[in-house]
């Protein structure tokens, strides 16, 4: 996702879809858990939906790689 163009924030389902090629076990619940633990802090839309930007997705990717590589 690294480029000079700004990428629109993704909703939680889009993040799961984006990540599932590398992390087929990733779920919406897992992303919510990471947020509850303070590991990621997505923006919220005016209606309260989570909006993940590039930095959020990069952080989640790092976390999931670290978890996978520890097992």
Foldseek 3Di string as FASTA:
>chain_A
DDDPDFDWFDFLVVLCVVCCVVPVPDDSVNVVVCVVVVQADFDADPVGTGTHGPVRSVSVVVVVVVVVVVD
